[in-house]
């Protein structure tokens, strides 16, 4: 049986995240993803979609949608997250210094740091007016 492909296109708002997570969970079950991989997929989707909603939507050239697509390959899972907002590469930011005390750290950057820790690979490109993040998960 071929593995299904998940495609969700939603408005870039925090209010849309719970429904998106329900659909990601249903996809993980239908695809028989290992529990740890399913958990990582949900957390990464939540973080990346919330990031677009909180920082990439609104204002001039703000995102009008965010689309996630997940597809199981032989021994890994491919996730893409795209939006049509102003150019923004979250991977270009310096990694936060997590050795500092909380009061001494700069604000921001922890979400993408967390995402990086949950995926095997992640890459950004600006393609045809869209921000495109592609992440690969190993099946664990």
Foldseek 3Di string as FASTA:
>chain_A
DFQDKDKDKDFLALVCLVVVLVSLLVSCVSRVFPPLLSVLVSLLVNLVSPCLSVPQADDPQRWGMKMWMWHDDDFKIKIKIKTLGDDDDLVPDDAWDPVDDPVPTDPDRVSVVVNVVQFPDWDWDQDPRMIMIMTMHGRD
